[in-house]
Amino acid sequence: PKDASTLPDGATLVKVEYASPNPVDYKMPELWLYRRLA
């Protein structure tokens, strides 16, 4: 991640062991406008 070496104030770098998907995690990226603008 771009901030990994120089974390901004209040940020934390985590080494991930587990993750879990949710509907928003595919619904938003699959929206063309969201993918294009955000």
PDB file of all heavy atoms in Angstrom:
ATOM      1  N   PRO A   1       0.838  -1.208   0.000  1.00  0.00           N
ATOM      2  CA  PRO A   1       0.000   0.000   0.000  1.00  0.00           C
ATOM      3  C   PRO A   1       0.868   1.251   0.000  1.00  0.00           C
ATOM      4  O   PRO A   1       1.932   1.291   0.632  1.00  0.00           O
ATOM      5  CB  PRO A   1      -0.805  -0.124   1.301  1.00  0.00           C
ATOM      6  CG  PRO A   1      -0.848  -1.592   1.573  1.00  0.00           C
ATOM      7  CD  PRO A   1       0.452  -2.140   1.078  1.00  0.00           C
ATOM      8  N   LYS A   2       0.408   2.290  -0.695  1.00  0.00           N
ATOM      9  CA  LYS A   2       1.242   3.475  -0.914  1.00  0.00           C
ATOM     10  C   LYS A   2       1.636   4.180   0.379  1.00  0.00           C
ATOM     11  O   LYS A   2       2.666   4.866   0.422  1.00  0.00           O
ATOM     12  CB  LYS A   2       0.524   4.449  -1.847  1.00  0.00           C
ATOM     13  CG  LYS A   2      -0.741   5.071  -1.296  1.00  0.00           C
ATOM     14  CD  LYS A   2      -1.373   5.987  -2.319  1.00  0.00           C
ATOM     15  CE  LYS A   2      -2.630   6.664  -1.789  1.00  0.00           C
ATOM     16  NZ  LYS A   2      -2.334   7.638  -0.711  1.00  0.00           N
ATOM     17  N   ASP A   3       0.845   4.021   1.442  1.00  0.00           N
ATOM     18  CA  ASP A   3       1.168   4.682   2.710  1.00  0.00           C
ATOM     19  C   ASP A   3       1.910   3.767   3.677  1.00  0.00           C
ATOM     20  O   ASP A   3       2.124   4.140   4.836  1.00  0.00           O
ATOM     21  CB  ASP A   3      -0.122   5.174   3.385  1.00  0.00           C
ATOM     22  CG  ASP A   3      -0.823   6.258   2.584  1.00  0.00           C
ATOM     23  OD1 ASP A   3      -0.114   7.102   2.026  1.00  0.00           O
ATOM     24  OD2 ASP A   3      -2.066   6.241   2.524  1.00  0.00           O
ATOM     25  N   ALA A   4       2.294   2.567   3.231  1.00  0.00           N
ATOM     26  CA  ALA A   4       2.863   1.576   4.149  1.00  0.00           C
ATOM     27  C   ALA A   4       4.146   2.062   4.818  1.00  0.00           C
ATOM     28  O   ALA A   4       4.369   1.817   6.014  1.00  0.00           O
ATOM     29  CB  ALA A   4       3.123   0.270   3.407  1.00  0.00           C
ATOM     30  N   SER A   5       4.989   2.748   4.088  1.00  0.00           N
ATOM     31  CA  SER A   5       6.289   3.171   4.639  1.00  0.00           C
ATOM     32  C   SER A   5       6.226   4.498   5.369  1.00  0.00           C
ATOM     33  O   SER A   5       7.044   4.772   6.249  1.00  0.00           O
ATOM     34  CB  SER A   5       7.329   3.256   3.515  1.00  0.00           C
ATOM     35  OG  SER A   5       7.526   1.992   2.918  1.00  0.00           O
ATOM     36  N   THR A   6       5.263   5.332   5.028  1.00  0.00           N
ATOM     37  CA  THR A   6       5.122   6.656   5.651  1.00  0.00           C
ATOM     38  C   THR A   6       3.669   6.852   6.044  1.00  0.00           C
ATOM     39  O   THR A   6       2.914   7.571   5.372  1.00  0.00           O
ATOM     40  CB  THR A   6       5.570   7.768   4.692  1.00  0.00           C
ATOM     41  OG1 THR A   6       4.841   7.637   3.453  1.00  0.00           O
ATOM     42  CG2 THR A   6       7.057   7.662   4.406  1.00  0.00           C
ATOM     43  N   LEU A   7       3.276   6.199   7.114  1.00  0.00           N
ATOM     44  CA  LEU A   7       1.879   6.238   7.539  1.00  0.00           C
ATOM     45  C   LEU A   7       1.451   7.650   7.918  1.00  0.00           C
ATOM     46  O   LEU A   7       2.176   8.355   8.636  1.00  0.00           O
ATOM     47  CB  LEU A   7       1.664   5.322   8.743  1.00  0.00           C
ATOM     48  CG  LEU A   7       1.695   3.814   8.511  1.00  0.00           C
ATOM     49  CD1 LEU A   7       1.545   3.092   9.849  1.00  0.00           C
ATOM     50  CD2 LEU A   7       0.591   3.386   7.564  1.00  0.00           C
ATOM     51  N   PRO A   8       0.258   8.060   7.492  1.00  0.00           N
ATOM     52  CA  PRO A   8      -0.270   9.348   7.959  1.00  0.00           C
ATOM     53  C   PRO A   8      -0.706   9.238   9.413  1.00  0.00           C
ATOM     54  O   PRO A   8      -0.841   8.142   9.965  1.00  0.00           O
ATOM     55  CB  PRO A   8      -1.464   9.588   7.030  1.00  0.00           C
ATOM     56  CG  PRO A   8      -1.857   8.245   6.537  1.00  0.00           C
ATOM     57  CD  PRO A   8      -0.618   7.423   6.487  1.00  0.00           C
ATOM     58  N   ASP A   9      -0.931  10.365  10.044  1.00  0.00           N
ATOM     59  CA  ASP A   9      -1.380  10.378  11.435  1.00  0.00           C
ATOM     60  C   ASP A   9      -2.664   9.567  11.591  1.00  0.00           C
ATOM     61  O   ASP A   9      -3.579   9.657  10.766  1.00  0.00           O
ATOM     62  CB  ASP A   9      -1.642  11.816  11.894  1.00  0.00           C
ATOM     63  CG  ASP A   9      -0.352  12.606  12.046  1.00  0.00           C
ATOM     64  OD1 ASP A   9       0.725  11.979  12.109  1.00  0.00           O
ATOM     65  OD2 ASP A   9      -0.432  13.852  12.098  1.00  0.00           O
ATOM     66  N   GLY A  10      -2.718   8.778  12.654  1.00  0.00           N
ATOM     67  CA  GLY A  10      -3.906   8.001  12.958  1.00  0.00           C
ATOM     68  C   GLY A  10      -4.018   6.694  12.216  1.00  0.00           C
ATOM     69  O   GLY A  10      -4.967   5.939  12.429  1.00  0.00           O
ATOM     70  N   ALA A  11      -3.061   6.385  11.333  1.00  0.00           N
ATOM     71  CA  ALA A  11      -3.144   5.189  10.502  1.00  0.00           C
ATOM     72  C   ALA A  11      -2.370   4.026  11.122  1.00  0.00           C
ATOM     73  O   ALA A  11      -1.494   4.205  11.967  1.00  0.00           O
ATOM     74  CB  ALA A  11      -2.626   5.471   9.101  1.00  0.00           C
ATOM     75  N   THR A  12      -2.720   2.821  10.656  1.00  0.00           N
ATOM     76  CA  THR A  12      -2.084   1.598  11.134  1.00  0.00           C
ATOM     77  C   THR A  12      -1.818   0.674   9.951  1.00  0.00           C
ATOM     78  O   THR A  12      -2.683   0.506   9.086  1.00  0.00           O
ATOM     79  CB  THR A  12      -2.991   0.866  12.152  1.00  0.00           C
ATOM     80  OG1 THR A  12      -3.241   1.723  13.261  1.00  0.00           O
ATOM     81  CG2 THR A  12      -2.342  -0.419  12.645  1.00  0.00           C
ATOM     82  N   LEU A  13      -0.623   0.103   9.922  1.00  0.00           N
ATOM     83  CA  LEU A  13      -0.295  -0.914   8.923  1.00  0.00           C
ATOM     84  C   LEU A  13      -0.479  -2.282   9.563  1.00  0.00           C
ATOM     85  O   LEU A  13       0.101  -2.570  10.616  1.00  0.00           O
ATOM     86  CB  LEU A  13       1.139  -0.748   8.424  1.00  0.00           C
ATOM     87  CG  LEU A  13       1.621  -1.805   7.412  1.00  0.00           C
ATOM     88  CD1 LEU A  13       0.832  -1.708   6.107  1.00  0.00           C
ATOM     89  CD2 LEU A  13       3.121  -1.640   7.145  1.00  0.00           C
ATOM     90  N   VAL A  14      -1.304  -3.112   8.929  1.00  0.00           N
ATOM     91  CA  VAL A  14      -1.648  -4.429   9.466  1.00  0.00           C
ATOM     92  C   VAL A  14      -1.172  -5.516   8.514  1.00  0.00           C
ATOM     93  O   VAL A  14      -1.322  -5.390   7.290  1.00  0.00           O
ATOM     94  CB  VAL A  14      -3.179  -4.549   9.655  1.00  0.00           C
ATOM     95  CG1 VAL A  14      -3.559  -5.953  10.125  1.00  0.00           C
ATOM     96  CG2 VAL A  14      -3.681  -3.505  10.651  1.00  0.00           C
ATOM     97  N   LYS A  15      -0.587  -6.571   9.070  1.00  0.00           N
ATOM     98  CA  LYS A  15      -0.329  -7.776   8.294  1.00  0.00           C
ATOM     99  C   LYS A  15      -1.558  -8.659   8.426  1.00  0.00           C
ATOM    100  O   LYS A  15      -1.899  -9.115   9.520  1.00  0.00           O
ATOM    101  CB  LYS A  15       0.917  -8.498   8.773  1.00  0.00           C
ATOM    102  CG  LYS A  15       1.314  -9.649   7.841  1.00  0.00           C
ATOM    103  CD  LYS A  15       2.686 -10.208   8.153  1.00  0.00           C
ATOM    104  CE  LYS A  15       3.078 -11.255   7.104  1.00  0.00           C
ATOM    105  NZ  LYS A  15       4.419 -11.827   7.383  1.00  0.00           N
ATOM    106  N   VAL A  16      -2.241  -8.886   7.323  1.00  0.00           N
ATOM    107  CA  VAL A  16      -3.553  -9.526   7.338  1.00  0.00           C
ATOM    108  C   VAL A  16      -3.419 -11.044   7.430  1.00  0.00           C
ATOM    109  O   VAL A  16      -2.615 -11.654   6.716  1.00  0.00           O
ATOM    110  CB  VAL A  16      -4.346  -9.148   6.068  1.00  0.00           C
ATOM    111  CG1 VAL A  16      -5.710  -9.826   6.066  1.00  0.00           C
ATOM    112  CG2 VAL A  16      -4.492  -7.633   5.963  1.00  0.00           C
ATOM    113  N   GLU A  17      -4.222 -11.641   8.304  1.00  0.00           N
ATOM    114  CA  GLU A  17      -4.298 -13.102   8.360  1.00  0.00           C
ATOM    115  C   GLU A  17      -5.584 -13.606   7.716  1.00  0.00           C
ATOM    116  O   GLU A  17      -5.567 -14.569   6.962  1.00  0.00           O
ATOM    117  CB  GLU A  17      -4.210 -13.608   9.795  1.00  0.00           C
ATOM    118  CG  GLU A  17      -4.213 -15.129   9.864  1.00  0.00           C
ATOM    119  CD  GLU A  17      -3.785 -15.675  11.215  1.00  0.00           C
ATOM    120  OE1 GLU A  17      -3.010 -15.007  11.920  1.00  0.00           O
ATOM    121  OE2 GLU A  17      -4.223 -16.790  11.557  1.00  0.00           O
ATOM    122  N   TYR A  18      -6.704 -12.956   8.018  1.00  0.00           N
ATOM    123  CA  TYR A  18      -7.988 -13.344   7.441  1.00  0.00           C
ATOM    124  C   TYR A  18      -8.721 -12.107   6.919  1.00  0.00           C
ATOM    125  O   TYR A  18      -8.569 -11.005   7.458  1.00  0.00           O
ATOM    126  CB  TYR A  18      -8.888 -14.019   8.483  1.00  0.00           C
ATOM    127  CG  TYR A  18      -8.612 -15.488   8.683  1.00  0.00           C
ATOM    128  CD1 TYR A  18      -7.768 -15.912   9.693  1.00  0.00           C
ATOM    129  CD2 TYR A  18      -9.196 -16.450   7.853  1.00  0.00           C
ATOM    130  CE1 TYR A  18      -7.510 -17.264   9.891  1.00  0.00           C
ATOM    131  CE2 TYR A  18      -8.947 -17.795   8.045  1.00  0.00           C
ATOM    132  CZ  TYR A  18      -8.110 -18.193   9.057  1.00  0.00           C
ATOM    133  OH  TYR A  18      -7.860 -19.535   9.235  1.00  0.00           O
ATOM    134  N   ALA A  19      -9.523 -12.311   5.885  1.00  0.00           N
ATOM    135  CA  ALA A  19     -10.426 -11.285   5.357  1.00  0.00           C
ATOM    136  C   ALA A  19     -11.788 -11.937   5.114  1.00  0.00           C
ATOM    137  O   ALA A  19     -11.900 -13.169   5.086  1.00  0.00           O
ATOM    138  CB  ALA A  19      -9.881 -10.698   4.062  1.00  0.00           C
ATOM    139  N   SER A  20     -12.805 -11.106   4.933  1.00  0.00           N
ATOM    140  CA  SER A  20     -14.147 -11.644   4.713  1.00  0.00           C
ATOM    141  C   SER A  20     -14.922 -10.727   3.765  1.00  0.00           C
ATOM    142  O   SER A  20     -15.004  -9.522   4.003  1.00  0.00           O
ATOM    143  CB  SER A  20     -14.895 -11.769   6.040  1.00  0.00           C
ATOM    144  OG  SER A  20     -16.169 -12.359   5.861  1.00  0.00           O
ATOM    145  N   PRO A  21     -15.493 -11.284   2.675  1.00  0.00           N
ATOM    146  CA  PRO A  21     -16.219 -10.449   1.710  1.00  0.00           C
ATOM    147  C   PRO A  21     -17.641 -10.128   2.159  1.00  0.00           C
ATOM    148  O   PRO A  21     -18.249 -10.865   2.942  1.00  0.00           O
ATOM    149  CB  PRO A  21     -16.229 -11.326   0.449  1.00  0.00           C
ATOM    150  CG  PRO A  21     -16.224 -12.728   0.978  1.00  0.00           C
ATOM    151  CD  PRO A  21     -15.395 -12.691   2.230  1.00  0.00           C
ATOM    152  N   ASN A  22     -18.165  -9.040   1.618  1.00  0.00           N
ATOM    153  CA  ASN A  22     -19.537  -8.597   1.854  1.00  0.00           C
ATOM    154  C   ASN A  22     -20.141  -8.152   0.529  1.00  0.00           C
ATOM    155  O   ASN A  22     -19.410  -7.884  -0.429  1.00  0.00           O
ATOM    156  CB  ASN A  22     -19.555  -7.422   2.835  1.00  0.00           C
ATOM    157  CG  ASN A  22     -19.057  -7.808   4.207  1.00  0.00           C
ATOM    158  OD1 ASN A  22     -19.777  -8.382   5.002  1.00  0.00           O
ATOM    159  ND2 ASN A  22     -17.792  -7.499   4.488  1.00  0.00           N
ATOM    160  N   PRO A  23     -21.476  -8.040   0.445  1.00  0.00           N
ATOM    161  CA  PRO A  23     -22.093  -7.616  -0.824  1.00  0.00           C
ATOM    162  C   PRO A  23     -21.521  -6.317  -1.376  1.00  0.00           C
ATOM    163  O   PRO A  23     -21.304  -6.186  -2.578  1.00  0.00           O
ATOM    164  CB  PRO A  23     -23.570  -7.480  -0.459  1.00  0.00           C
ATOM    165  CG  PRO A  23     -23.775  -8.474   0.630  1.00  0.00           C
ATOM    166  CD  PRO A  23     -22.498  -8.440   1.436  1.00  0.00           C
ATOM    167  N   VAL A  24     -21.259  -5.348  -0.505  1.00  0.00           N
ATOM    168  CA  VAL A  24     -20.742  -4.057  -0.975  1.00  0.00           C
ATOM    169  C   VAL A  24     -19.391  -4.210  -1.652  1.00  0.00           C
ATOM    170  O   VAL A  24     -19.019  -3.396  -2.513  1.00  0.00           O
ATOM    171  CB  VAL A  24     -20.652  -3.058   0.198  1.00  0.00           C
ATOM    172  CG1 VAL A  24     -19.579  -3.476   1.200  1.00  0.00           C
ATOM    173  CG2 VAL A  24     -20.419  -1.647  -0.293  1.00  0.00           C
ATOM    174  N   ASP A  25     -18.655  -5.264  -1.316  1.00  0.00           N
ATOM    175  CA  ASP A  25     -17.307  -5.439  -1.849  1.00  0.00           C
ATOM    176  C   ASP A  25     -17.289  -5.833  -3.318  1.00  0.00           C
ATOM    177  O   ASP A  25     -16.252  -5.708  -3.976  1.00  0.00           O
ATOM    178  CB  ASP A  25     -16.548  -6.481  -1.026  1.00  0.00           C
ATOM    179  CG  ASP A  25     -16.306  -6.021   0.397  1.00  0.00           C
ATOM    180  OD1 ASP A  25     -15.983  -4.839   0.588  1.00  0.00           O
ATOM    181  OD2 ASP A  25     -16.462  -6.838   1.327  1.00  0.00           O
ATOM    182  N   TYR A  26     -18.406  -6.323  -3.830  1.00  0.00           N
ATOM    183  CA  TYR A  26     -18.478  -6.542  -5.278  1.00  0.00           C
ATOM    184  C   TYR A  26     -19.490  -5.620  -5.953  1.00  0.00           C
ATOM    185  O   TYR A  26     -19.316  -5.248  -7.110  1.00  0.00           O
ATOM    186  CB  TYR A  26     -18.783  -8.012  -5.613  1.00  0.00           C
ATOM    187  CG  TYR A  26     -20.173  -8.492  -5.294  1.00  0.00           C
ATOM    188  CD1 TYR A  26     -21.235  -8.264  -6.164  1.00  0.00           C
ATOM    189  CD2 TYR A  26     -20.439  -9.225  -4.143  1.00  0.00           C
ATOM    190  CE1 TYR A  26     -22.515  -8.714  -5.885  1.00  0.00           C
ATOM    191  CE2 TYR A  26     -21.707  -9.682  -3.852  1.00  0.00           C
ATOM    192  CZ  TYR A  26     -22.743  -9.428  -4.724  1.00  0.00           C
ATOM    193  OH  TYR A  26     -24.014  -9.877  -4.440  1.00  0.00           O
ATOM    194  N   LYS A  27     -20.520  -5.212  -5.230  1.00  0.00           N
ATOM    195  CA  LYS A  27     -21.542  -4.364  -5.850  1.00  0.00           C
ATOM    196  C   LYS A  27     -20.982  -3.010  -6.280  1.00  0.00           C
ATOM    197  O   LYS A  27     -21.294  -2.527  -7.377  1.00  0.00           O
ATOM    198  CB  LYS A  27     -22.722  -4.173  -4.896  1.00  0.00           C
ATOM    199  CG  LYS A  27     -23.573  -5.416  -4.710  1.00  0.00           C
ATOM    200  CD  LYS A  27     -24.728  -5.173  -3.743  1.00  0.00           C
ATOM    201  CE  LYS A  27     -25.594  -6.410  -3.583  1.00  0.00           C
ATOM    202  NZ  LYS A  27     -26.702  -6.198  -2.629  1.00  0.00           N
ATOM    203  N   MET A  28     -20.177  -2.394  -5.433  1.00  0.00           N
ATOM    204  CA  MET A  28     -19.637  -1.087  -5.778  1.00  0.00           C
ATOM    205  C   MET A  28     -18.594  -1.161  -6.895  1.00  0.00           C
ATOM    206  O   MET A  28     -18.682  -0.406  -7.867  1.00  0.00           O
ATOM    207  CB  MET A  28     -19.076  -0.395  -4.535  1.00  0.00           C
ATOM    208  CG  MET A  28     -20.115  -0.124  -3.459  1.00  0.00           C
ATOM    209  SD  MET A  28     -21.604   0.713  -4.094  1.00  0.00           S
ATOM    210  CE  MET A  28     -20.915   2.291  -4.572  1.00  0.00           C
ATOM    211  N   PRO A  29     -17.593  -2.045  -6.830  1.00  0.00           N
ATOM    212  CA  PRO A  29     -16.624  -2.122  -7.936  1.00  0.00           C
ATOM    213  C   PRO A  29     -17.254  -2.474  -9.276  1.00  0.00           C
ATOM    214  O   PRO A  29     -16.717  -2.105 -10.330  1.00  0.00           O
ATOM    215  CB  PRO A  29     -15.652  -3.222  -7.480  1.00  0.00           C
ATOM    216  CG  PRO A  29     -15.736  -3.211  -6.004  1.00  0.00           C
ATOM    217  CD  PRO A  29     -17.178  -2.907  -5.707  1.00  0.00           C
ATOM    218  N   GLU A  30     -18.375  -3.200  -9.247  1.00  0.00           N
ATOM    219  CA  GLU A  30     -19.011  -3.585 -10.502  1.00  0.00           C
ATOM    220  C   GLU A  30     -19.880  -2.475 -11.094  1.00  0.00           C
ATOM    221  O   GLU A  30     -20.399  -2.615 -12.195  1.00  0.00           O
ATOM    222  CB  GLU A  30     -19.815  -4.866 -10.308  1.00  0.00           C
ATOM    223  CG  GLU A  30     -18.905  -6.081 -10.078  1.00  0.00           C
ATOM    224  CD  GLU A  30     -19.654  -7.385  -9.898  1.00  0.00           C
ATOM    225  OE1 GLU A  30     -20.906  -7.367 -10.013  1.00  0.00           O
ATOM    226  OE2 GLU A  30     -19.012  -8.424  -9.656  1.00  0.00           O
ATOM    227  N   LEU A  31     -20.031  -1.386 -10.360  1.00  0.00           N
ATOM    228  CA  LEU A  31     -20.701  -0.214 -10.904  1.00  0.00           C
ATOM    229  C   LEU A  31     -19.701   0.573 -11.755  1.00  0.00           C
ATOM    230  O   LEU A  31     -18.672   1.037 -11.249  1.00  0.00           O
ATOM    231  CB  LEU A  31     -21.230   0.683  -9.788  1.00  0.00           C
ATOM    232  CG  LEU A  31     -22.560   0.318  -9.146  1.00  0.00           C
ATOM    233  CD1 LEU A  31     -22.860   1.291  -8.024  1.00  0.00           C
ATOM    234  CD2 LEU A  31     -23.689   0.355 -10.161  1.00  0.00           C
ATOM    235  N   TRP A  32     -20.005   0.743 -13.020  1.00  0.00           N
ATOM    236  CA  TRP A  32     -19.063   1.410 -13.923  1.00  0.00           C
ATOM    237  C   TRP A  32     -18.715   2.805 -13.438  1.00  0.00           C
ATOM    238  O   TRP A  32     -17.540   3.190 -13.428  1.00  0.00           O
ATOM    239  CB  TRP A  32     -19.658   1.493 -15.334  1.00  0.00           C
ATOM    240  CG  TRP A  32     -18.762   2.217 -16.297  1.00  0.00           C
ATOM    241  CD1 TRP A  32     -17.732   1.686 -17.028  1.00  0.00           C
ATOM    242  CD2 TRP A  32     -18.784   3.617 -16.598  1.00  0.00           C
ATOM    243  NE1 TRP A  32     -17.124   2.668 -17.774  1.00  0.00           N
ATOM    244  CE2 TRP A  32     -17.749   3.862 -17.533  1.00  0.00           C
ATOM    245  CE3 TRP A  32     -19.585   4.677 -16.184  1.00  0.00           C
ATOM    246  CZ2 TRP A  32     -17.497   5.129 -18.052  1.00  0.00           C
ATOM    247  CZ3 TRP A  32     -19.325   5.940 -16.685  1.00  0.00           C
ATOM    248  CH2 TRP A  32     -18.294   6.156 -17.620  1.00  0.00           C
ATOM    249  N   LEU A  33     -19.710   3.589 -13.012  1.00  0.00           N
ATOM    250  CA  LEU A  33     -19.455   4.966 -12.605  1.00  0.00           C
ATOM    251  C   LEU A  33     -18.571   5.017 -11.364  1.00  0.00           C
ATOM    252  O   LEU A  33     -17.641   5.836 -11.288  1.00  0.00           O
ATOM    253  CB  LEU A  33     -20.776   5.689 -12.340  1.00  0.00           C
ATOM    254  CG  LEU A  33     -20.677   7.198 -12.096  1.00  0.00           C
ATOM    255  CD1 LEU A  33     -20.087   7.894 -13.311  1.00  0.00           C
ATOM    256  CD2 LEU A  33     -22.051   7.774 -11.754  1.00  0.00           C
ATOM    257  N   TYR A  34     -18.844   4.148 -10.397  1.00  0.00           N
ATOM    258  CA  TYR A  34     -18.025   4.120  -9.182  1.00  0.00           C
ATOM    259  C   TYR A  34     -16.597   3.718  -9.526  1.00  0.00           C
ATOM    260  O   TYR A  34     -15.639   4.327  -9.039  1.00  0.00           O
ATOM    261  CB  TYR A  34     -18.625   3.141  -8.176  1.00  0.00           C
ATOM    262  CG  TYR A  34     -17.813   3.001  -6.904  1.00  0.00           C
ATOM    263  CD1 TYR A  34     -17.989   3.896  -5.860  1.00  0.00           C
ATOM    264  CD2 TYR A  34     -16.863   1.991  -6.761  1.00  0.00           C
ATOM    265  CE1 TYR A  34     -17.234   3.792  -4.697  1.00  0.00           C
ATOM    266  CE2 TYR A  34     -16.106   1.877  -5.601  1.00  0.00           C
ATOM    267  CZ  TYR A  34     -16.304   2.779  -4.577  1.00  0.00           C
ATOM    268  OH  TYR A  34     -15.551   2.674  -3.433  1.00  0.00           O
ATOM    269  N   ARG A  35     -16.458   2.690 -10.358  1.00  0.00           N
ATOM    270  CA  ARG A  35     -15.124   2.219 -10.727  1.00  0.00           C
ATOM    271  C   ARG A  35     -14.349   3.311 -11.465  1.00  0.00           C
ATOM    272  O   ARG A  35     -13.150   3.495 -11.266  1.00  0.00           O
ATOM    273  CB  ARG A  35     -15.261   0.971 -11.601  1.00  0.00           C
ATOM    274  CG  ARG A  35     -13.953   0.268 -11.884  1.00  0.00           C
ATOM    275  CD  ARG A  35     -14.192  -1.071 -12.554  1.00  0.00           C
ATOM    276  NE  ARG A  35     -14.737  -0.943 -13.897  1.00  0.00           N
ATOM    277  CZ  ARG A  35     -15.957  -1.283 -14.262  1.00  0.00           C
ATOM    278  NH1 ARG A  35     -16.804  -1.764 -13.359  1.00  0.00           N
ATOM    279  NH2 ARG A  35     -16.359  -1.139 -15.508  1.00  0.00           N
ATOM    280  N   ARG A  36     -15.058   4.089 -12.281  1.00  0.00           N
ATOM    281  CA  ARG A  36     -14.424   5.125 -13.086  1.00  0.00           C
ATOM    282  C   ARG A  36     -14.012   6.333 -12.239  1.00  0.00           C
ATOM    283  O   ARG A  36     -12.927   6.900 -12.434  1.00  0.00           O
ATOM    284  CB  ARG A  36     -15.386   5.557 -14.194  1.00  0.00           C
ATOM    285  CG  ARG A  36     -14.837   6.601 -15.145  1.00  0.00           C
ATOM    286  CD  ARG A  36     -13.744   6.047 -16.032  1.00  0.00           C
ATOM    287  NE  ARG A  36     -13.235   7.051 -16.954  1.00  0.00           N
ATOM    288  CZ  ARG A  36     -13.725   7.273 -18.169  1.00  0.00           C
ATOM    289  NH1 ARG A  36     -14.743   6.542 -18.608  1.00  0.00           N
ATOM    290  NH2 ARG A  36     -13.204   8.185 -18.947  1.00  0.00           N
ATOM    291  N   LEU A  37     -14.866   6.708 -11.296  1.00  0.00           N
ATOM    292  CA  LEU A  37     -14.637   7.957 -10.574  1.00  0.00           C
ATOM    293  C   LEU A  37     -13.965   7.776  -9.214  1.00  0.00           C
ATOM    294  O   LEU A  37     -13.296   8.699  -8.728  1.00  0.00           O
ATOM    295  CB  LEU A  37     -15.971   8.686 -10.371  1.00  0.00           C
ATOM    296  CG  LEU A  37     -16.722   9.103 -11.636  1.00  0.00           C
ATOM    297  CD1 LEU A  37     -18.012   9.811 -11.260  1.00  0.00           C
ATOM    298  CD2 LEU A  37     -15.850   9.997 -12.516  1.00  0.00           C
ATOM    299  N   ALA A  38     -14.129   6.615  -8.588  1.00  0.00           N
ATOM    300  CA  ALA A  38     -13.685   6.479  -7.200  1.00  0.00           C
ATOM    301  C   ALA A  38     -12.598   5.445  -6.986  1.00  0.00           C
ATOM    302  O   ALA A  38     -12.154   5.259  -5.847  1.00  0.00           O
ATOM    303  CB  ALA A  38     -14.889   6.142  -6.310  1.00  0.00           C
TER     304      ALA A  38
END
